[in-house]
Amino acid sequence: MKVKIELAKQEDKNILIKLIEENDSLFFPPISKRLELPKYVDKIFEHGFPYVAKINNEIAGFCFFYANDIISKRSFLSLILVKEKYRKSDLKIGILLMKNWFKIAKGIGINRLELEVAKKKITLINWYKSLGFYEKKSICRDGFGALILTKHV
């Protein structure tokens, strides 16, 4: 199977919303408790970079990021998600999506990447660290502990 990373298309929006809804409980707190999903996805399409990973035209995962902080040359990962059936596969979809973010950001002059992750998501924090991220600061968001991780590219 070949994984193709590409900019999401308008016709992908409803599939992306459905994937977020189906996996909402993975996020802490759940995304649906913080955002109106259709408006969120519209905002990403309008102001951010929505990339999808496709296998035989099926969306296997996606990555949403912003790269519009030209003054501080910073890009922020808004959301990354890989379908459950592909998470532990040898296809490494999450890594491909992250490397795409690194490449796009660097290509437009960004030199610092940031993301936020719940403190209780230890496995995910370690995965981000394996990709070169390090802890920048600890914050409290919506009453829950979170970390801001950063990486220079």
N, C-alpha and C. Protein backbone atom coordinates (compact mmCIF):
# COMPACT_ATOMS: atom_id res chain seq x y z
N MET A 1 0.84 -1.19 0.00
CA MET A 1 0.00 0.00 0.00
C MET A 1 0.88 1.25 0.00
N LYS A 2 0.48 2.20 -0.81
CA LYS A 2 1.22 3.45 -0.90
C LYS A 2 0.40 4.56 -0.24
N VAL A 3 1.07 5.35 0.58
CA VAL A 3 0.44 6.47 1.27
C VAL A 3 0.76 7.74 0.48
N LYS A 4 -0.28 8.51 0.18
CA LYS A 4 -0.10 9.77 -0.53
C LYS A 4 -0.53 10.91 0.40
N ILE A 5 0.37 11.86 0.62
CA ILE A 5 0.07 13.04 1.44
C ILE A 5 -0.28 14.17 0.49
N GLU A 6 -1.44 14.79 0.70
CA GLU A 6 -1.87 15.88 -0.17
C GLU A 6 -2.72 16.89 0.58
N LEU A 7 -2.80 18.07 0.04
CA LEU A 7 -3.65 19.11 0.60
C LEU A 7 -5.10 18.64 0.52
N ALA A 8 -5.83 18.75 1.60
CA ALA A 8 -7.24 18.31 1.62
C ALA A 8 -8.05 19.15 0.65
N LYS A 9 -9.07 18.54 0.10
CA LYS A 9 -9.98 19.20 -0.84
C LYS A 9 -11.30 19.51 -0.13
N GLN A 10 -12.05 20.44 -0.68
CA GLN A 10 -13.34 20.81 -0.11
C GLN A 10 -14.23 19.59 0.11
N GLU A 11 -14.19 18.65 -0.82
CA GLU A 11 -15.04 17.46 -0.69
C GLU A 11 -14.59 16.53 0.43
N ASP A 12 -13.42 16.76 1.01
CA ASP A 12 -12.94 15.97 2.14
C ASP A 12 -13.50 16.45 3.48
N LYS A 13 -14.05 17.66 3.52
CA LYS A 13 -14.46 18.27 4.79
C LYS A 13 -15.37 17.39 5.64
N ASN A 14 -16.44 16.87 5.04
CA ASN A 14 -17.39 16.07 5.82
C ASN A 14 -16.76 14.79 6.35
N ILE A 15 -15.85 14.20 5.59
CA ILE A 15 -15.15 13.00 6.05
C ILE A 15 -14.25 13.35 7.24
N LEU A 16 -13.57 14.48 7.15
CA LEU A 16 -12.70 14.92 8.24
C LEU A 16 -13.49 15.19 9.51
N ILE A 17 -14.63 15.86 9.37
CA ILE A 17 -15.49 16.12 10.53
C ILE A 17 -15.94 14.81 11.16
N LYS A 18 -16.34 13.86 10.32
CA LYS A 18 -16.79 12.55 10.82
C LYS A 18 -15.64 11.82 11.55
N LEU A 19 -14.44 11.88 11.01
CA LEU A 19 -13.29 11.24 11.67
C LEU A 19 -13.01 11.86 13.03
N ILE A 20 -13.11 13.19 13.11
CA ILE A 20 -12.91 13.85 14.41
C ILE A 20 -13.99 13.40 15.39
N GLU A 21 -15.23 13.38 14.94
CA GLU A 21 -16.35 12.96 15.81
C GLU A 21 -16.14 11.53 16.30
N GLU A 22 -15.73 10.64 15.41
CA GLU A 22 -15.54 9.23 15.77
C GLU A 22 -14.40 9.02 16.76
N ASN A 23 -13.46 9.94 16.79
CA ASN A 23 -12.28 9.81 17.65
C ASN A 23 -12.21 10.87 18.74
N ASP A 24 -13.31 11.56 18.96
CA ASP A 24 -13.37 12.69 19.88
C ASP A 24 -12.90 12.33 21.29
N SER A 25 -13.19 11.10 21.72
CA SER A 25 -12.83 10.70 23.08
C SER A 25 -11.33 10.53 23.27
N LEU A 26 -10.56 10.50 22.20
CA LEU A 26 -9.09 10.39 22.31
C LEU A 26 -8.48 11.69 22.80
N PHE A 27 -9.19 12.78 22.60
CA PHE A 27 -8.66 14.09 22.94
C PHE A 27 -9.13 14.49 24.34
N PHE A 28 -8.27 15.23 25.02
CA PHE A 28 -8.55 15.57 26.40
C PHE A 28 -8.35 17.06 26.61
N PRO A 29 -9.42 17.80 26.89
CA PRO A 29 -10.82 17.37 26.83
C PRO A 29 -11.25 17.15 25.38
N PRO A 30 -12.37 16.44 25.16
CA PRO A 30 -12.82 16.18 23.80
C PRO A 30 -12.98 17.47 22.99
N ILE A 31 -12.61 17.38 21.72
CA ILE A 31 -12.66 18.56 20.84
C ILE A 31 -14.07 19.12 20.76
N SER A 32 -15.07 18.24 20.69
CA SER A 32 -16.46 18.70 20.54
C SER A 32 -16.94 19.52 21.74
N LYS A 33 -16.26 19.38 22.87
CA LYS A 33 -16.63 20.16 24.06
C LYS A 33 -16.06 21.58 23.98
N ARG A 34 -15.06 21.76 23.12
CA ARG A 34 -14.39 23.05 23.02
C ARG A 34 -14.72 23.81 21.74
N LEU A 35 -15.07 23.09 20.68
CA LEU A 35 -15.24 23.72 19.37
C LEU A 35 -16.47 23.20 18.64
N GLU A 36 -17.01 24.02 17.76
CA GLU A 36 -18.03 23.56 16.83
C GLU A 36 -17.28 22.98 15.64
N LEU A 37 -17.34 21.68 15.46
CA LEU A 37 -16.48 21.01 14.48
C LEU A 37 -16.59 21.56 13.05
N PRO A 38 -17.78 21.76 12.50
CA PRO A 38 -17.83 22.30 11.12
C PRO A 38 -17.15 23.67 11.01
N LYS A 39 -17.34 24.53 12.00
CA LYS A 39 -16.70 25.85 11.97
C LYS A 39 -15.18 25.72 12.11
N TYR A 40 -14.75 24.81 12.96
CA TYR A 40 -13.32 24.57 13.15
C TYR A 40 -12.67 24.13 11.84
N VAL A 41 -13.27 23.15 11.18
CA VAL A 41 -12.70 22.64 9.92
C VAL A 41 -12.73 23.74 8.86
N ASP A 42 -13.81 24.52 8.80
CA ASP A 42 -13.86 25.65 7.86
C ASP A 42 -12.71 26.63 8.12
N LYS A 43 -12.45 26.92 9.38
CA LYS A 43 -11.38 27.85 9.75
C LYS A 43 -10.01 27.32 9.30
N ILE A 44 -9.79 26.02 9.50
CA ILE A 44 -8.52 25.42 9.06
C ILE A 44 -8.38 25.54 7.54
N PHE A 45 -9.45 25.25 6.82
CA PHE A 45 -9.40 25.32 5.36
C PHE A 45 -9.16 26.76 4.89
N GLU A 46 -9.68 27.72 5.64
CA GLU A 46 -9.54 29.12 5.24
C GLU A 46 -8.19 29.73 5.64
N HIS A 47 -7.71 29.40 6.83
CA HIS A 47 -6.52 30.07 7.36
C HIS A 47 -5.32 29.15 7.61
N GLY A 48 -5.52 27.86 7.49
CA GLY A 48 -4.45 26.92 7.83
C GLY A 48 -4.08 26.02 6.67
N PHE A 49 -3.45 24.93 7.04
CA PHE A 49 -2.98 23.94 6.09
C PHE A 49 -3.58 22.59 6.46
N PRO A 50 -4.64 22.16 5.78
CA PRO A 50 -5.23 20.84 6.05
C PRO A 50 -4.64 19.79 5.09
N TYR A 51 -3.84 18.88 5.61
CA TYR A 51 -3.26 17.82 4.79
C TYR A 51 -3.86 16.48 5.17
N VAL A 52 -4.05 15.64 4.17
CA VAL A 52 -4.59 14.30 4.39
C VAL A 52 -3.59 13.26 3.90
N ALA A 53 -3.66 12.10 4.53
CA ALA A 53 -2.91 10.92 4.08
C ALA A 53 -3.93 9.99 3.47
N LYS A 54 -3.72 9.63 2.22
CA LYS A 54 -4.69 8.76 1.53
C LYS A 54 -4.02 7.45 1.11
N ILE A 55 -4.81 6.39 1.25
CA ILE A 55 -4.42 5.07 0.77
C ILE A 55 -5.56 4.63 -0.15
N ASN A 56 -5.25 4.43 -1.40
CA ASN A 56 -6.28 4.05 -2.38
C ASN A 56 -7.50 4.97 -2.29
N ASN A 57 -7.27 6.25 -2.18
CA ASN A 57 -8.32 7.29 -2.13
C ASN A 57 -9.09 7.34 -0.81
N GLU A 58 -8.73 6.52 0.16
CA GLU A 58 -9.34 6.56 1.49
C GLU A 58 -8.50 7.46 2.38
N ILE A 59 -9.15 8.37 3.11
CA ILE A 59 -8.43 9.20 4.06
C ILE A 59 -8.07 8.32 5.26
N ALA A 60 -6.76 8.11 5.42
CA ALA A 60 -6.26 7.26 6.51
C ALA A 60 -5.84 8.08 7.71
N GLY A 61 -5.65 9.38 7.49
CA GLY A 61 -5.25 10.28 8.56
C GLY A 61 -5.17 11.69 8.04
N PHE A 62 -4.96 12.63 8.96
CA PHE A 62 -4.83 14.03 8.53
C PHE A 62 -4.06 14.82 9.56
N CYS A 63 -3.61 15.98 9.13
CA CYS A 63 -2.83 16.89 9.96
C CYS A 63 -3.27 18.31 9.62
N PHE A 64 -3.67 19.06 10.63
CA PHE A 64 -4.05 20.47 10.46
C PHE A 64 -3.01 21.32 11.17
N PHE A 65 -2.49 22.32 10.47
CA PHE A 65 -1.57 23.24 11.14
C PHE A 65 -1.71 24.65 10.57
N TYR A 66 -1.27 25.58 11.37
CA TYR A 66 -1.22 26.98 10.97
C TYR A 66 0.24 27.35 10.79
N ALA A 67 0.52 28.19 9.82
CA ALA A 67 1.88 28.67 9.59
C ALA A 67 1.79 30.12 9.12
N ASN A 68 1.08 30.93 9.90
CA ASN A 68 0.85 32.32 9.50
C ASN A 68 1.44 33.33 10.47
N ASP A 69 2.29 32.86 11.38
CA ASP A 69 2.96 33.78 12.30
C ASP A 69 4.32 34.14 11.70
N ILE A 70 4.28 35.05 10.74
CA ILE A 70 5.47 35.41 9.97
C ILE A 70 6.51 36.14 10.82
N ILE A 71 6.05 36.95 11.77
CA ILE A 71 6.98 37.72 12.59
C ILE A 71 7.87 36.80 13.45
N SER A 72 7.24 35.88 14.17
CA SER A 72 8.04 34.97 15.00
C SER A 72 8.44 33.69 14.26
N LYS A 73 8.00 33.57 13.01
CA LYS A 73 8.33 32.40 12.16
C LYS A 73 7.98 31.09 12.87
N ARG A 74 6.73 31.03 13.35
CA ARG A 74 6.26 29.90 14.15
C ARG A 74 5.05 29.26 13.46
N SER A 75 4.99 27.95 13.53
CA SER A 75 3.86 27.18 13.02
C SER A 75 3.29 26.37 14.16
N PHE A 76 1.97 26.22 14.21
CA PHE A 76 1.32 25.52 15.30
C PHE A 76 0.49 24.35 14.76
N LEU A 77 0.75 23.17 15.30
CA LEU A 77 -0.03 21.98 14.94
C LEU A 77 -1.37 22.07 15.67
N SER A 78 -2.44 22.11 14.92
CA SER A 78 -3.76 22.19 15.52
C SER A 78 -4.32 20.79 15.84
N LEU A 79 -4.10 19.85 14.92
CA LEU A 79 -4.66 18.51 15.12
C LEU A 79 -3.99 17.53 14.19
N ILE A 80 -3.70 16.35 14.70
CA ILE A 80 -3.25 15.24 13.88
C ILE A 80 -4.04 14.01 14.31
N LEU A 81 -4.46 13.22 13.35
CA LEU A 81 -5.25 12.03 13.65
C LEU A 81 -5.00 10.98 12.58
N VAL A 82 -4.80 9.75 13.00
CA VAL A 82 -4.67 8.61 12.10
C VAL A 82 -5.77 7.63 12.46
N LYS A 83 -6.45 7.11 11.44
CA LYS A 83 -7.50 6.11 11.69
C LYS A 83 -6.92 4.95 12.49
N GLU A 84 -7.75 4.42 13.38
CA GLU A 84 -7.29 3.37 14.29
C GLU A 84 -6.66 2.19 13.56
N LYS A 85 -7.24 1.76 12.45
CA LYS A 85 -6.72 0.57 11.76
C LYS A 85 -5.32 0.79 11.17
N TYR A 86 -4.87 2.04 11.09
CA TYR A 86 -3.54 2.34 10.55
C TYR A 86 -2.54 2.80 11.60
N ARG A 87 -2.98 2.97 12.84
CA ARG A 87 -2.10 3.57 13.87
C ARG A 87 -0.86 2.75 14.16
N LYS A 88 -0.95 1.48 14.23
CA LYS A 88 0.21 0.65 14.58
C LYS A 88 0.81 -0.04 13.36
N SER A 89 0.45 0.43 12.17
CA SER A 89 0.92 -0.23 10.96
C SER A 89 2.34 0.22 10.60
N ASP A 90 2.95 -0.54 9.71
CA ASP A 90 4.28 -0.20 9.22
C ASP A 90 4.26 0.98 8.25
N LEU A 91 3.08 1.49 7.95
CA LEU A 91 2.96 2.60 7.01
C LEU A 91 3.43 3.92 7.61
N LYS A 92 3.45 4.01 8.95
CA LYS A 92 3.96 5.20 9.65
C LYS A 92 3.28 6.49 9.16
N ILE A 93 1.95 6.45 9.08
CA ILE A 93 1.19 7.59 8.57
C ILE A 93 1.38 8.84 9.42
N GLY A 94 1.38 8.69 10.73
CA GLY A 94 1.59 9.84 11.61
C GLY A 94 2.93 10.50 11.34
N ILE A 95 3.96 9.70 11.19
CA ILE A 95 5.30 10.24 10.92
C ILE A 95 5.33 10.94 9.56
N LEU A 96 4.69 10.34 8.56
CA LEU A 96 4.64 10.96 7.23
C LEU A 96 3.93 12.32 7.29
N LEU A 97 2.83 12.38 8.03
CA LEU A 97 2.10 13.65 8.16
C LEU A 97 2.95 14.70 8.88
N MET A 98 3.64 14.29 9.94
CA MET A 98 4.49 15.23 10.68
C MET A 98 5.65 15.71 9.81
N LYS A 99 6.30 14.80 9.09
CA LYS A 99 7.41 15.20 8.22
C LYS A 99 6.92 16.14 7.12
N ASN A 100 5.71 15.95 6.65
CA ASN A 100 5.14 16.88 5.67
C ASN A 100 5.00 18.27 6.29
N TRP A 101 4.51 18.32 7.55
CA TRP A 101 4.41 19.62 8.25
C TRP A 101 5.78 20.28 8.35
N PHE A 102 6.79 19.51 8.75
CA PHE A 102 8.15 20.05 8.88
C PHE A 102 8.61 20.66 7.55
N LYS A 103 8.39 19.90 6.47
CA LYS A 103 8.85 20.32 5.14
C LYS A 103 8.12 21.58 4.66
N ILE A 104 6.80 21.59 4.79
CA ILE A 104 6.01 22.75 4.34
C ILE A 104 6.39 23.99 5.14
N ALA A 105 6.46 23.85 6.46
CA ALA A 105 6.78 24.99 7.31
C ALA A 105 8.16 25.55 6.97
N LYS A 106 9.13 24.69 6.87
CA LYS A 106 10.49 25.14 6.56
C LYS A 106 10.53 25.81 5.18
N GLY A 107 9.78 25.26 4.25
CA GLY A 107 9.75 25.79 2.89
C GLY A 107 9.17 27.20 2.78
N ILE A 108 8.37 27.60 3.76
CA ILE A 108 7.80 28.96 3.73
C ILE A 108 8.46 29.88 4.75
N GLY A 109 9.61 29.45 5.26
CA GLY A 109 10.39 30.32 6.13
C GLY A 109 10.12 30.21 7.61
N ILE A 110 9.35 29.20 8.01
CA ILE A 110 9.08 28.97 9.43
C ILE A 110 10.29 28.25 10.03
N ASN A 111 10.68 28.63 11.26
CA ASN A 111 11.80 27.92 11.87
C ASN A 111 11.47 27.30 13.23
N ARG A 112 10.23 27.50 13.70
CA ARG A 112 9.85 26.92 15.00
C ARG A 112 8.45 26.31 14.90
N LEU A 113 8.33 25.07 15.32
CA LEU A 113 7.06 24.35 15.31
C LEU A 113 6.62 24.16 16.76
N GLU A 114 5.32 24.31 16.99
CA GLU A 114 4.79 24.11 18.34
C GLU A 114 3.51 23.30 18.29
N LEU A 115 3.23 22.64 19.40
CA LEU A 115 1.99 21.90 19.55
C LEU A 115 1.64 21.84 21.03
N GLU A 116 0.39 21.56 21.29
CA GLU A 116 -0.08 21.41 22.67
C GLU A 116 -0.58 19.98 22.85
N VAL A 117 -0.24 19.39 24.00
CA VAL A 117 -0.66 18.02 24.28
C VAL A 117 -1.00 17.91 25.77
N ALA A 118 -2.06 17.15 26.06
CA ALA A 118 -2.45 16.93 27.46
C ALA A 118 -1.34 16.20 28.20
N LYS A 119 -1.05 16.63 29.43
CA LYS A 119 0.02 16.02 30.24
C LYS A 119 -0.21 14.53 30.45
N LYS A 120 -1.47 14.12 30.50
CA LYS A 120 -1.76 12.70 30.77
C LYS A 120 -1.52 11.79 29.56
N LYS A 121 -1.24 12.36 28.40
CA LYS A 121 -1.00 11.59 27.17
C LYS A 121 0.50 11.27 27.04
N ILE A 122 1.00 10.49 27.97
CA ILE A 122 2.44 10.19 28.07
C ILE A 122 2.97 9.53 26.79
N THR A 123 2.26 8.55 26.26
CA THR A 123 2.71 7.87 25.04
C THR A 123 2.83 8.86 23.89
N LEU A 124 1.86 9.73 23.77
CA LEU A 124 1.88 10.72 22.69
C LEU A 124 3.01 11.73 22.90
N ILE A 125 3.22 12.15 24.13
CA ILE A 125 4.33 13.08 24.43
C ILE A 125 5.65 12.43 24.02
N ASN A 126 5.83 11.17 24.37
CA ASN A 126 7.07 10.47 24.02
C ASN A 126 7.22 10.32 22.51
N TRP A 127 6.10 10.12 21.81
CA TRP A 127 6.15 10.04 20.34
C TRP A 127 6.62 11.37 19.75
N TYR A 128 6.04 12.47 20.23
CA TYR A 128 6.47 13.79 19.76
C TYR A 128 7.94 14.02 20.06
N LYS A 129 8.39 13.62 21.24
CA LYS A 129 9.80 13.80 21.60
C LYS A 129 10.70 12.97 20.68
N SER A 130 10.22 11.80 20.25
CA SER A 130 11.02 10.97 19.33
C SER A 130 11.18 11.65 17.97
N LEU A 131 10.32 12.63 17.69
CA LEU A 131 10.39 13.40 16.43
C LEU A 131 11.16 14.71 16.62
N GLY A 132 11.77 14.88 17.78
CA GLY A 132 12.61 16.04 18.01
C GLY A 132 11.99 17.19 18.79
N PHE A 133 10.79 16.99 19.30
CA PHE A 133 10.14 18.04 20.10
C PHE A 133 10.65 17.98 21.54
N TYR A 134 10.62 19.11 22.20
CA TYR A 134 10.98 19.18 23.61
C TYR A 134 9.99 20.10 24.32
N GLU A 135 9.93 19.95 25.64
CA GLU A 135 8.98 20.73 26.43
C GLU A 135 9.41 22.18 26.51
N LYS A 136 8.49 23.06 26.12
CA LYS A 136 8.74 24.50 26.21
C LYS A 136 8.17 25.05 27.50
N LYS A 137 6.89 24.67 27.79
CA LYS A 137 6.28 25.13 29.04
C LYS A 137 5.06 24.29 29.37
N SER A 138 4.67 24.38 30.62
CA SER A 138 3.49 23.70 31.13
C SER A 138 2.39 24.74 31.29
N ILE A 139 1.17 24.38 30.89
CA ILE A 139 0.05 25.30 30.97
C ILE A 139 -1.18 24.60 31.54
N CYS A 140 -2.18 25.38 31.88
CA CYS A 140 -3.47 24.84 32.29
C CYS A 140 -4.48 25.32 31.26
N ARG A 141 -5.16 24.38 30.61
CA ARG A 141 -6.14 24.71 29.59
C ARG A 141 -7.46 24.05 29.96
N ASP A 142 -8.49 24.87 30.10
CA ASP A 142 -9.82 24.35 30.45
C ASP A 142 -9.80 23.53 31.74
N GLY A 143 -8.93 23.91 32.65
CA GLY A 143 -8.83 23.22 33.92
C GLY A 143 -7.98 21.95 33.90
N PHE A 144 -7.33 21.68 32.77
CA PHE A 144 -6.52 20.47 32.62
C PHE A 144 -5.07 20.85 32.31
N GLY A 145 -4.15 20.03 32.79
CA GLY A 145 -2.74 20.27 32.52
C GLY A 145 -2.37 19.91 31.11
N ALA A 146 -1.55 20.76 30.50
CA ALA A 146 -1.07 20.52 29.14
C ALA A 146 0.36 20.99 29.03
N LEU A 147 1.03 20.51 27.99
CA LEU A 147 2.39 20.93 27.68
C LEU A 147 2.42 21.57 26.31
N ILE A 148 3.24 22.59 26.18
CA ILE A 148 3.55 23.14 24.87
C ILE A 148 4.91 22.53 24.51
N LEU A 149 4.93 21.81 23.40
CA LEU A 149 6.17 21.21 22.91
C LEU A 149 6.62 22.03 21.69
N THR A 150 7.92 22.10 21.50
CA THR A 150 8.45 22.88 20.38
C THR A 150 9.59 22.13 19.70
N LYS A 151 9.85 22.53 18.46
CA LYS A 151 10.93 21.94 17.67
C LYS A 151 11.41 23.00 16.70
N HIS A 152 12.70 23.08 16.51
CA HIS A 152 13.26 24.00 15.53
C HIS A 152 13.55 23.25 14.24
N VAL A 153 13.23 23.89 13.12
CA VAL A 153 13.49 23.26 11.81
C VAL A 153 14.40 24.13 10.98
